[in-house]
Structure formats: C-alpha cells, structure tokens
Amino acid sequence: MNKISIVAICAALAVAPVLAQSPNDKANVNSAMEAPLSTAEFVRQVATSTMMQIRLSQIASDKATDASTQAYTKQMVADQTRTLDELKGLTQNGAVKQSLPLTLSDAQRKMLEKLKDLSNAEFAKQYRHDQLATHRHTVALFERYAQAGDNAALRDWAAKILPALRQRVQMAEGLEQSS
C-alpha cells in the first residue's frame, strides 16, 4: 500500500464511516446525512473523529515545515480539545446519557503508526488536503444533529458550535490554497 493511500484511509477513519465520496462531492455528503442519526451514533462519531483529528494535528505539527501548517495544527489541537472537553462535560453532567469512547479504534491506531513513516512533506501535503473534507463532513454532521437530534442538550450544543466549525472549513480552505 503506498503512503498516500495510508493517509487517505486514515482520513476516512477520522471523519466517519458514512463518507464514501471524494472530498469535493457535496451531494454525497448531503445524501449520506439524510438517514436518522441517533444520539449514540452522533456522540461516537464526534468523539472518535475529534480524537483522531487531535492526533493527526499533533503529528502534522511535528512533521510540518511551513509556518501556515504549523499555525493551523496548533489551532486545530486547541479547537478539537475544547470540542472534546465540551462533549465530555455534557456526558459527565448527565445532559447526555451516552458514554464516550475513550480510545481510538485499533484500525485508527494502526493507521496513525503507519503515518509516522511518511516524509514530512508528504504528510503535510496530504494533511492540508484532507482537512477540507474532514471539516465539511463535520459541519454536515453537526447541522444534521442540530436540526433533528433526539437529545435537546446535545442538539443545542451542536447548534452552538456550528459557527466555529464553519470557521474551521474556511481555515482549511485557506490552508489548502497555501499549499
């Protein structure tokens, strides 16, 4: 398996199993988002993709040599950590009666290990490219739950965080254009 394929697989694991389209195919993102989304599935997807994004951004921070990617990765680690902390807070205070996965899946951990073998330039280039698809998917996921989720507190949180998520899309667009 070539190194770019490994990164692509890892990105797919990071965003969720419902993604089966190219990064620019918004129609597929929308159609994947039509099926009902349970609280358990939303929490699982948000928690695992957020943990994966934190790890990917930490790796990218170590591997990136350009200032724009360095700044972006630091911002992503901070933003994603805050998102995960807020979600944990909702589950710990009882507003959301769903436990969070505490670790990445075995497949995600294996992919992260393989990513460490990529050259700094290869990893940084693929990371910048994949961020746009990841953040677009995340916005669609949060919009979907904010509109029709079955837990009021989680629905309100999803709606509250959407502006920041949309800003991440803009940041990812800028990062990709700078490559």
N, C-alpha and C. Protein backbone atom coordinates (compact mmCIF):
# COMPACT_ATOMS: atom_id res chain seq x y z
N MET A 1 0.86 -1.17 0.00
CA MET A 1 0.00 0.00 0.00
C MET A 1 0.90 1.23 0.00
N ASN A 2 0.64 2.20 -0.89
CA ASN A 2 1.52 3.35 -0.92
C ASN A 2 1.17 4.32 0.21
N LYS A 3 2.07 5.23 0.47
CA LYS A 3 1.94 6.11 1.63
C LYS A 3 0.75 7.04 1.53
N ILE A 4 0.44 7.55 0.36
CA ILE A 4 -0.71 8.43 0.19
C ILE A 4 -2.00 7.67 0.45
N SER A 5 -2.08 6.42 0.05
CA SER A 5 -3.26 5.60 0.32
C SER A 5 -3.46 5.43 1.81
N ILE A 6 -2.39 5.29 2.55
CA ILE A 6 -2.49 5.15 4.00
C ILE A 6 -3.11 6.40 4.60
N VAL A 7 -2.66 7.56 4.16
CA VAL A 7 -3.21 8.81 4.68
C VAL A 7 -4.68 8.93 4.31
N ALA A 8 -5.05 8.56 3.10
CA ALA A 8 -6.45 8.64 2.68
C ALA A 8 -7.32 7.73 3.52
N ILE A 9 -6.85 6.54 3.80
CA ILE A 9 -7.62 5.61 4.64
C ILE A 9 -7.76 6.19 6.04
N CYS A 10 -6.70 6.74 6.55
CA CYS A 10 -6.73 7.32 7.88
C CYS A 10 -7.72 8.48 7.95
N ALA A 11 -7.73 9.30 6.93
CA ALA A 11 -8.67 10.42 6.91
C ALA A 11 -10.11 9.91 6.89
N ALA A 12 -10.36 8.87 6.15
CA ALA A 12 -11.71 8.29 6.13
C ALA A 12 -12.10 7.77 7.50
N LEU A 13 -11.16 7.16 8.20
CA LEU A 13 -11.44 6.69 9.55
C LEU A 13 -11.71 7.85 10.48
N ALA A 14 -11.04 8.96 10.24
CA ALA A 14 -11.19 10.11 11.11
C ALA A 14 -12.54 10.77 10.98
N VAL A 15 -13.09 10.83 9.79
CA VAL A 15 -14.32 11.58 9.60
C VAL A 15 -15.57 10.79 9.86
N ALA A 16 -15.57 9.50 9.62
CA ALA A 16 -16.69 8.62 9.95
C ALA A 16 -16.93 7.64 8.84
N PRO A 17 -17.56 6.53 9.17
CA PRO A 17 -17.77 5.50 8.16
C PRO A 17 -18.77 5.88 7.09
N VAL A 18 -19.55 6.92 7.28
CA VAL A 18 -20.56 7.27 6.27
C VAL A 18 -19.95 7.95 5.06
N LEU A 19 -18.69 8.37 5.14
CA LEU A 19 -18.08 9.03 4.00
C LEU A 19 -17.63 8.01 2.98
N ALA A 20 -18.15 8.15 1.78
CA ALA A 20 -17.72 7.26 0.69
C ALA A 20 -17.69 8.05 -0.60
N GLN A 21 -17.12 9.25 -0.52
CA GLN A 21 -17.09 10.10 -1.70
C GLN A 21 -15.79 10.88 -1.73
N SER A 22 -15.60 11.57 -2.83
CA SER A 22 -14.43 12.42 -2.96
C SER A 22 -14.60 13.65 -2.07
N PRO A 23 -13.50 14.31 -1.68
CA PRO A 23 -13.59 15.47 -0.80
C PRO A 23 -14.46 16.59 -1.34
N ASN A 24 -14.59 16.73 -2.66
CA ASN A 24 -15.35 17.84 -3.23
C ASN A 24 -16.79 17.49 -3.57
N ASP A 25 -17.23 16.31 -3.25
CA ASP A 25 -18.56 15.86 -3.65
C ASP A 25 -19.59 16.16 -2.56
N LYS A 26 -20.08 17.40 -2.53
CA LYS A 26 -21.04 17.81 -1.52
C LYS A 26 -22.36 17.06 -1.62
N ALA A 27 -22.75 16.66 -2.80
CA ALA A 27 -24.01 15.92 -2.96
C ALA A 27 -23.95 14.61 -2.18
N ASN A 28 -22.82 13.92 -2.24
CA ASN A 28 -22.69 12.68 -1.48
C ASN A 28 -22.68 12.93 0.01
N VAL A 29 -22.05 14.03 0.47
CA VAL A 29 -22.08 14.37 1.89
C VAL A 29 -23.52 14.56 2.32
N ASN A 30 -24.29 15.31 1.53
CA ASN A 30 -25.68 15.56 1.89
C ASN A 30 -26.50 14.29 1.88
N SER A 31 -26.33 13.42 0.89
CA SER A 31 -27.13 12.20 0.85
C SER A 31 -26.74 11.26 1.98
N ALA A 32 -25.47 11.26 2.37
CA ALA A 32 -25.04 10.42 3.49
C ALA A 32 -25.63 10.92 4.79
N MET A 33 -26.02 12.17 4.82
CA MET A 33 -26.53 12.75 6.04
C MET A 33 -28.05 12.69 6.17
N GLU A 34 -28.74 12.07 5.24
CA GLU A 34 -30.19 12.05 5.28
C GLU A 34 -30.77 11.04 6.27
N ALA A 35 -30.11 9.93 6.49
CA ALA A 35 -30.63 8.91 7.39
C ALA A 35 -30.66 9.45 8.82
N PRO A 36 -31.61 8.98 9.63
CA PRO A 36 -31.67 9.43 11.03
C PRO A 36 -30.36 9.14 11.75
N LEU A 37 -29.99 10.03 12.64
CA LEU A 37 -28.75 9.90 13.39
C LEU A 37 -29.09 9.85 14.87
N SER A 38 -28.80 8.74 15.51
CA SER A 38 -29.08 8.60 16.94
C SER A 38 -28.07 9.39 17.75
N THR A 39 -28.43 9.66 18.99
CA THR A 39 -27.51 10.33 19.90
C THR A 39 -26.25 9.49 20.07
N ALA A 40 -26.42 8.19 20.24
CA ALA A 40 -25.25 7.31 20.43
C ALA A 40 -24.31 7.39 19.24
N GLU A 41 -24.84 7.38 18.04
CA GLU A 41 -24.01 7.44 16.84
C GLU A 41 -23.35 8.80 16.69
N PHE A 42 -24.08 9.87 16.96
CA PHE A 42 -23.51 11.21 16.89
C PHE A 42 -22.36 11.35 17.88
N VAL A 43 -22.58 10.93 19.11
CA VAL A 43 -21.54 11.03 20.14
C VAL A 43 -20.32 10.21 19.74
N ARG A 44 -20.54 9.00 19.24
CA ARG A 44 -19.43 8.14 18.83
C ARG A 44 -18.64 8.78 17.70
N GLN A 45 -19.35 9.27 16.69
CA GLN A 45 -18.67 9.88 15.55
C GLN A 45 -17.90 11.13 15.95
N VAL A 46 -18.53 11.98 16.75
CA VAL A 46 -17.85 13.21 17.17
C VAL A 46 -16.63 12.88 18.02
N ALA A 47 -16.78 11.98 18.98
CA ALA A 47 -15.67 11.66 19.88
C ALA A 47 -14.50 11.03 19.13
N THR A 48 -14.77 10.02 18.32
CA THR A 48 -13.66 9.34 17.64
C THR A 48 -13.01 10.22 16.58
N SER A 49 -13.82 10.96 15.83
CA SER A 49 -13.21 11.82 14.80
C SER A 49 -12.43 12.97 15.44
N THR A 50 -12.91 13.47 16.58
CA THR A 50 -12.20 14.54 17.28
C THR A 50 -10.88 14.04 17.84
N MET A 51 -10.89 12.85 18.45
CA MET A 51 -9.64 12.28 18.96
C MET A 51 -8.66 12.04 17.82
N MET A 52 -9.16 11.56 16.71
CA MET A 52 -8.30 11.30 15.55
C MET A 52 -7.73 12.61 15.02
N GLN A 53 -8.55 13.64 14.94
CA GLN A 53 -8.08 14.94 14.46
C GLN A 53 -7.00 15.52 15.37
N ILE A 54 -7.16 15.34 16.67
CA ILE A 54 -6.14 15.83 17.61
C ILE A 54 -4.81 15.13 17.32
N ARG A 55 -4.85 13.81 17.19
CA ARG A 55 -3.62 13.06 16.93
C ARG A 55 -3.02 13.41 15.56
N LEU A 56 -3.87 13.49 14.54
CA LEU A 56 -3.36 13.87 13.21
C LEU A 56 -2.72 15.25 13.24
N SER A 57 -3.34 16.18 13.93
CA SER A 57 -2.79 17.54 14.01
C SER A 57 -1.50 17.57 14.80
N GLN A 58 -1.39 16.73 15.84
CA GLN A 58 -0.13 16.65 16.58
C GLN A 58 0.98 16.10 15.69
N ILE A 59 0.68 15.08 14.93
CA ILE A 59 1.67 14.50 14.01
C ILE A 59 2.04 15.54 12.94
N ALA A 60 1.03 16.21 12.40
CA ALA A 60 1.29 17.22 11.37
C ALA A 60 2.14 18.35 11.93
N SER A 61 1.90 18.72 13.16
CA SER A 61 2.69 19.77 13.79
C SER A 61 4.16 19.36 13.88
N ASP A 62 4.40 18.10 14.19
CA ASP A 62 5.77 17.59 14.27
C ASP A 62 6.42 17.51 12.89
N LYS A 63 5.63 17.21 11.86
CA LYS A 63 6.18 16.97 10.53
C LYS A 63 6.19 18.21 9.63
N ALA A 64 5.32 19.17 9.90
CA ALA A 64 5.20 20.33 9.02
C ALA A 64 6.42 21.24 9.14
N THR A 65 6.82 21.76 8.00
CA THR A 65 7.96 22.68 8.00
C THR A 65 7.54 24.11 7.66
N ASP A 66 6.32 24.29 7.15
CA ASP A 66 5.89 25.64 6.80
C ASP A 66 5.08 26.27 7.93
N ALA A 67 5.18 27.58 8.05
CA ALA A 67 4.56 28.31 9.15
C ALA A 67 3.03 28.22 9.13
N SER A 68 2.41 28.23 7.94
CA SER A 68 0.95 28.20 7.89
C SER A 68 0.40 26.87 8.41
N THR A 69 1.04 25.76 8.07
CA THR A 69 0.59 24.46 8.57
C THR A 69 0.86 24.36 10.07
N GLN A 70 1.99 24.86 10.52
CA GLN A 70 2.30 24.85 11.95
C GLN A 70 1.23 25.60 12.76
N ALA A 71 0.89 26.80 12.29
CA ALA A 71 -0.12 27.59 12.99
C ALA A 71 -1.48 26.90 12.97
N TYR A 72 -1.83 26.34 11.82
CA TYR A 72 -3.10 25.64 11.67
C TYR A 72 -3.18 24.44 12.61
N THR A 73 -2.12 23.64 12.67
CA THR A 73 -2.17 22.44 13.52
C THR A 73 -2.31 22.80 14.98
N LYS A 74 -1.64 23.84 15.41
CA LYS A 74 -1.77 24.28 16.81
C LYS A 74 -3.22 24.71 17.11
N GLN A 75 -3.81 25.44 16.17
CA GLN A 75 -5.19 25.88 16.34
C GLN A 75 -6.14 24.67 16.36
N MET A 76 -5.90 23.69 15.50
CA MET A 76 -6.76 22.51 15.45
C MET A 76 -6.68 21.70 16.75
N VAL A 77 -5.48 21.54 17.28
CA VAL A 77 -5.34 20.80 18.55
C VAL A 77 -6.13 21.53 19.64
N ALA A 78 -5.98 22.84 19.72
CA ALA A 78 -6.71 23.60 20.74
C ALA A 78 -8.23 23.51 20.52
N ASP A 79 -8.68 23.73 19.28
CA ASP A 79 -10.12 23.69 18.99
C ASP A 79 -10.72 22.30 19.21
N GLN A 80 -10.02 21.28 18.74
CA GLN A 80 -10.55 19.92 18.85
C GLN A 80 -10.54 19.46 20.32
N THR A 81 -9.55 19.87 21.08
CA THR A 81 -9.51 19.53 22.51
C THR A 81 -10.68 20.19 23.23
N ARG A 82 -10.98 21.44 22.90
CA ARG A 82 -12.11 22.14 23.50
C ARG A 82 -13.43 21.44 23.13
N THR A 83 -13.57 21.03 21.87
CA THR A 83 -14.77 20.32 21.43
C THR A 83 -14.95 19.03 22.23
N LEU A 84 -13.88 18.27 22.36
CA LEU A 84 -13.95 17.01 23.09
C LEU A 84 -14.26 17.25 24.57
N ASP A 85 -13.65 18.27 25.16
CA ASP A 85 -13.93 18.60 26.56
C ASP A 85 -15.39 19.00 26.76
N GLU A 86 -15.95 19.76 25.83
CA GLU A 86 -17.36 20.14 25.94
C GLU A 86 -18.27 18.92 25.83
N LEU A 87 -17.96 18.03 24.91
CA LEU A 87 -18.76 16.81 24.77
C LEU A 87 -18.65 15.96 26.03
N LYS A 88 -17.45 15.84 26.57
CA LYS A 88 -17.27 15.10 27.83
C LYS A 88 -18.11 15.73 28.94
N GLY A 89 -18.12 17.04 29.00
CA GLY A 89 -18.90 17.74 30.01
C GLY A 89 -20.38 17.41 29.92
N LEU A 90 -20.90 17.34 28.72
CA LEU A 90 -22.32 17.00 28.53
C LEU A 90 -22.62 15.58 29.00
N THR A 91 -21.69 14.68 28.79
CA THR A 91 -21.92 13.30 29.23
C THR A 91 -21.71 13.16 30.74
N GLN A 92 -20.78 13.92 31.29
CA GLN A 92 -20.49 13.81 32.72
C GLN A 92 -21.55 14.49 33.58
N ASN A 93 -22.17 15.55 33.07
CA ASN A 93 -23.19 16.22 33.87
C ASN A 93 -24.57 15.59 33.72
N GLY A 94 -24.67 14.56 32.90
CA GLY A 94 -25.93 13.84 32.75
C GLY A 94 -26.85 14.38 31.68
N ALA A 95 -26.47 15.47 31.03
CA ALA A 95 -27.32 16.02 29.97
C ALA A 95 -27.42 15.06 28.80
N VAL A 96 -26.37 14.31 28.58
CA VAL A 96 -26.33 13.29 27.53
C VAL A 96 -26.00 11.97 28.21
N LYS A 97 -26.92 11.05 28.12
CA LYS A 97 -26.73 9.74 28.76
C LYS A 97 -26.11 8.76 27.78
N GLN A 98 -24.87 9.03 27.45
CA GLN A 98 -24.14 8.22 26.49
C GLN A 98 -22.68 8.26 26.89
N SER A 99 -22.05 7.12 26.96
CA SER A 99 -20.63 7.12 27.29
C SER A 99 -19.82 7.40 26.03
N LEU A 100 -18.68 8.04 26.25
CA LEU A 100 -17.78 8.35 25.15
C LEU A 100 -16.78 7.23 24.95
N PRO A 101 -16.44 6.94 23.71
CA PRO A 101 -15.31 6.04 23.51
C PRO A 101 -14.07 6.77 24.04
N LEU A 102 -13.22 6.05 24.72
CA LEU A 102 -12.06 6.68 25.35
C LEU A 102 -10.78 6.57 24.54
N THR A 103 -10.81 5.70 23.54
CA THR A 103 -9.62 5.49 22.73
C THR A 103 -10.00 5.39 21.26
N LEU A 104 -9.01 5.51 20.44
CA LEU A 104 -9.20 5.28 19.01
C LEU A 104 -9.39 3.79 18.78
N SER A 105 -9.98 3.46 17.68
CA SER A 105 -10.13 2.05 17.32
C SER A 105 -8.75 1.47 16.98
N ASP A 106 -8.67 0.16 16.95
CA ASP A 106 -7.40 -0.49 16.57
C ASP A 106 -6.98 -0.05 15.17
N ALA A 107 -7.95 0.03 14.26
CA ALA A 107 -7.64 0.44 12.89
C ALA A 107 -7.09 1.86 12.85
N GLN A 108 -7.68 2.76 13.64
CA GLN A 108 -7.19 4.14 13.68
C GLN A 108 -5.78 4.20 14.26
N ARG A 109 -5.52 3.46 15.32
CA ARG A 109 -4.18 3.44 15.91
C ARG A 109 -3.15 2.89 14.93
N LYS A 110 -3.50 1.85 14.20
CA LYS A 110 -2.58 1.28 13.21
C LYS A 110 -2.28 2.29 12.10
N MET A 111 -3.31 3.00 11.66
CA MET A 111 -3.11 4.00 10.61
C MET A 111 -2.19 5.11 11.10
N LEU A 112 -2.38 5.55 12.34
CA LEU A 112 -1.51 6.60 12.87
C LEU A 112 -0.06 6.13 12.92
N GLU A 113 0.15 4.90 13.28
CA GLU A 113 1.52 4.35 13.30
C GLU A 113 2.12 4.37 11.90
N LYS A 114 1.33 3.99 10.90
CA LYS A 114 1.83 3.98 9.53
C LYS A 114 2.12 5.39 9.02
N LEU A 115 1.35 6.36 9.47
CA LEU A 115 1.56 7.74 9.04
C LEU A 115 2.91 8.28 9.47
N LYS A 116 3.40 7.79 10.57
CA LYS A 116 4.69 8.27 11.05
C LYS A 116 5.81 7.97 10.06
N ASP A 117 5.58 7.02 9.15
CA ASP A 117 6.59 6.66 8.16
C ASP A 117 6.63 7.61 6.97
N LEU A 118 5.60 8.43 6.81
CA LEU A 118 5.59 9.37 5.68
C LEU A 118 6.64 10.45 5.89
N SER A 119 7.17 10.92 4.79
CA SER A 119 8.10 12.05 4.90
C SER A 119 7.32 13.27 5.39
N ASN A 120 8.03 14.21 5.94
CA ASN A 120 7.38 15.42 6.45
C ASN A 120 6.57 16.12 5.36
N ALA A 121 7.17 16.26 4.19
CA ALA A 121 6.49 16.96 3.09
C ALA A 121 5.26 16.19 2.60
N GLU A 122 5.38 14.85 2.46
CA GLU A 122 4.23 14.04 2.02
C GLU A 122 3.08 14.14 3.01
N PHE A 123 3.41 14.01 4.28
CA PHE A 123 2.36 14.05 5.29
C PHE A 123 1.70 15.42 5.32
N ALA A 124 2.48 16.48 5.34
CA ALA A 124 1.92 17.83 5.43
C ALA A 124 1.01 18.13 4.24
N LYS A 125 1.44 17.74 3.05
CA LYS A 125 0.62 17.97 1.85
C LYS A 125 -0.71 17.24 1.95
N GLN A 126 -0.69 15.97 2.31
CA GLN A 126 -1.92 15.20 2.41
C GLN A 126 -2.81 15.70 3.55
N TYR A 127 -2.19 16.06 4.66
CA TYR A 127 -2.93 16.60 5.81
C TYR A 127 -3.69 17.86 5.40
N ARG A 128 -3.02 18.79 4.74
CA ARG A 128 -3.68 20.03 4.32
C ARG A 128 -4.86 19.72 3.41
N HIS A 129 -4.68 18.80 2.49
CA HIS A 129 -5.74 18.43 1.55
C HIS A 129 -6.93 17.78 2.27
N ASP A 130 -6.65 16.86 3.17
CA ASP A 130 -7.71 16.11 3.84
C ASP A 130 -8.51 16.94 4.84
N GLN A 131 -7.94 18.01 5.35
CA GLN A 131 -8.64 18.81 6.34
C GLN A 131 -9.95 19.40 5.81
N LEU A 132 -9.96 19.79 4.57
CA LEU A 132 -11.16 20.38 4.00
C LEU A 132 -12.32 19.37 3.99
N ALA A 133 -12.06 18.18 3.53
CA ALA A 133 -13.11 17.14 3.51
C ALA A 133 -13.57 16.82 4.92
N THR A 134 -12.64 16.72 5.83
CA THR A 134 -12.96 16.40 7.21
C THR A 134 -13.87 17.46 7.82
N HIS A 135 -13.53 18.71 7.64
CA HIS A 135 -14.32 19.78 8.25
C HIS A 135 -15.67 19.97 7.57
N ARG A 136 -15.73 19.77 6.29
CA ARG A 136 -17.04 19.83 5.61
C ARG A 136 -17.96 18.73 6.14
N HIS A 137 -17.42 17.54 6.30
CA HIS A 137 -18.22 16.44 6.84
C HIS A 137 -18.68 16.76 8.26
N THR A 138 -17.79 17.32 9.07
CA THR A 138 -18.14 17.65 10.45
C THR A 138 -19.26 18.67 10.49
N VAL A 139 -19.21 19.69 9.66
CA VAL A 139 -20.28 20.68 9.61
C VAL A 139 -21.60 20.00 9.25
N ALA A 140 -21.60 19.15 8.25
CA ALA A 140 -22.83 18.46 7.85
C ALA A 140 -23.35 17.58 8.99
N LEU A 141 -22.47 16.91 9.69
CA LEU A 141 -22.87 16.06 10.81
C LEU A 141 -23.52 16.88 11.91
N PHE A 142 -22.91 18.00 12.28
CA PHE A 142 -23.45 18.86 13.33
C PHE A 142 -24.75 19.53 12.89
N GLU A 143 -24.83 19.96 11.64
CA GLU A 143 -26.08 20.55 11.14
C GLU A 143 -27.22 19.54 11.24
N ARG A 144 -26.92 18.34 10.86
CA ARG A 144 -27.92 17.27 10.87
C ARG A 144 -28.43 17.01 12.28
N TYR A 145 -27.51 16.90 13.24
CA TYR A 145 -27.95 16.64 14.61
C TYR A 145 -28.64 17.86 15.21
N ALA A 146 -28.14 19.05 14.93
CA ALA A 146 -28.75 20.28 15.45
C ALA A 146 -30.19 20.43 14.99
N GLN A 147 -30.49 19.95 13.79
CA GLN A 147 -31.84 20.05 13.24
C GLN A 147 -32.77 18.95 13.71
N ALA A 148 -32.26 17.75 13.92
CA ALA A 148 -33.16 16.63 14.17
C ALA A 148 -32.68 15.66 15.24
N GLY A 149 -31.71 16.04 16.04
CA GLY A 149 -31.21 15.14 17.08
C GLY A 149 -32.25 14.90 18.16
N ASP A 150 -32.14 13.76 18.83
CA ASP A 150 -33.16 13.40 19.81
C ASP A 150 -32.81 13.79 21.25
N ASN A 151 -31.70 14.46 21.49
CA ASN A 151 -31.33 14.93 22.82
C ASN A 151 -31.24 16.45 22.77
N ALA A 152 -32.08 17.13 23.52
CA ALA A 152 -32.17 18.60 23.45
C ALA A 152 -30.85 19.28 23.80
N ALA A 153 -30.19 18.83 24.86
CA ALA A 153 -28.94 19.46 25.27
C ALA A 153 -27.86 19.29 24.21
N LEU A 154 -27.79 18.11 23.63
CA LEU A 154 -26.81 17.84 22.59
C LEU A 154 -27.15 18.58 21.31
N ARG A 155 -28.43 18.68 21.00
CA ARG A 155 -28.88 19.44 19.83
C ARG A 155 -28.49 20.91 19.99
N ASP A 156 -28.71 21.48 21.20
CA ASP A 156 -28.34 22.88 21.45
C ASP A 156 -26.83 23.08 21.34
N TRP A 157 -26.06 22.13 21.87
CA TRP A 157 -24.60 22.22 21.79
C TRP A 157 -24.15 22.16 20.33
N ALA A 158 -24.73 21.26 19.57
CA ALA A 158 -24.37 21.13 18.15
C ALA A 158 -24.64 22.44 17.42
N ALA A 159 -25.78 23.06 17.69
CA ALA A 159 -26.12 24.33 17.05
C ALA A 159 -25.16 25.44 17.50
N LYS A 160 -24.79 25.43 18.77
CA LYS A 160 -23.90 26.46 19.32
C LYS A 160 -22.50 26.39 18.71
N ILE A 161 -22.04 25.19 18.44
CA ILE A 161 -20.67 25.01 17.95
C ILE A 161 -20.55 25.17 16.43
N LEU A 162 -21.66 25.16 15.72
CA LEU A 162 -21.62 25.24 14.26
C LEU A 162 -20.84 26.45 13.71
N PRO A 163 -20.99 27.66 14.26
CA PRO A 163 -20.20 28.77 13.71
C PRO A 163 -18.68 28.52 13.77
N ALA A 164 -18.21 27.93 14.85
CA ALA A 164 -16.78 27.62 14.95
C ALA A 164 -16.39 26.55 13.94
N LEU A 165 -17.27 25.58 13.72
CA LEU A 165 -16.98 24.54 12.74
C LEU A 165 -16.93 25.11 11.33
N ARG A 166 -17.81 26.03 11.04
CA ARG A 166 -17.79 26.67 9.72
C ARG A 166 -16.50 27.48 9.53
N GLN A 167 -16.03 28.07 10.61
CA GLN A 167 -14.77 28.81 10.55
C GLN A 167 -13.61 27.84 10.26
N ARG A 168 -13.68 26.62 10.80
CA ARG A 168 -12.64 25.61 10.53
C ARG A 168 -12.62 25.26 9.04
N VAL A 169 -13.79 25.23 8.40
CA VAL A 169 -13.84 24.96 6.96
C VAL A 169 -13.08 26.07 6.23
N GLN A 170 -13.35 27.31 6.61
CA GLN A 170 -12.66 28.44 5.97
C GLN A 170 -11.15 28.37 6.20
N MET A 171 -10.75 28.00 7.39
CA MET A 171 -9.33 27.87 7.69
C MET A 171 -8.71 26.76 6.84
N ALA A 172 -9.42 25.64 6.71
CA ALA A 172 -8.91 24.51 5.90
C ALA A 172 -8.82 24.91 4.42
N GLU A 173 -9.78 25.69 3.94
CA GLU A 173 -9.73 26.17 2.56
C GLU A 173 -8.48 27.03 2.36
N GLY A 174 -8.21 27.91 3.30
CA GLY A 174 -7.03 28.76 3.21
C GLY A 174 -5.75 27.97 3.28
N LEU A 175 -5.72 26.96 4.14
CA LEU A 175 -4.54 26.11 4.27
C LEU A 175 -4.28 25.35 2.98
N GLU A 176 -5.33 24.78 2.41
CA GLU A 176 -5.16 24.02 1.17
C GLU A 176 -4.69 24.93 0.03
N GLN A 177 -5.22 26.14 -0.02
CA GLN A 177 -4.81 27.07 -1.08
C GLN A 177 -3.36 27.52 -0.92
N SER A 178 -2.88 27.48 0.31
CA SER A 178 -1.50 27.92 0.54
C SER A 178 -0.47 26.85 0.19
N SER A 179 -0.97 25.63 -0.12
CA SER A 179 -0.02 24.56 -0.42
C SER A 179 0.47 24.59 -1.84
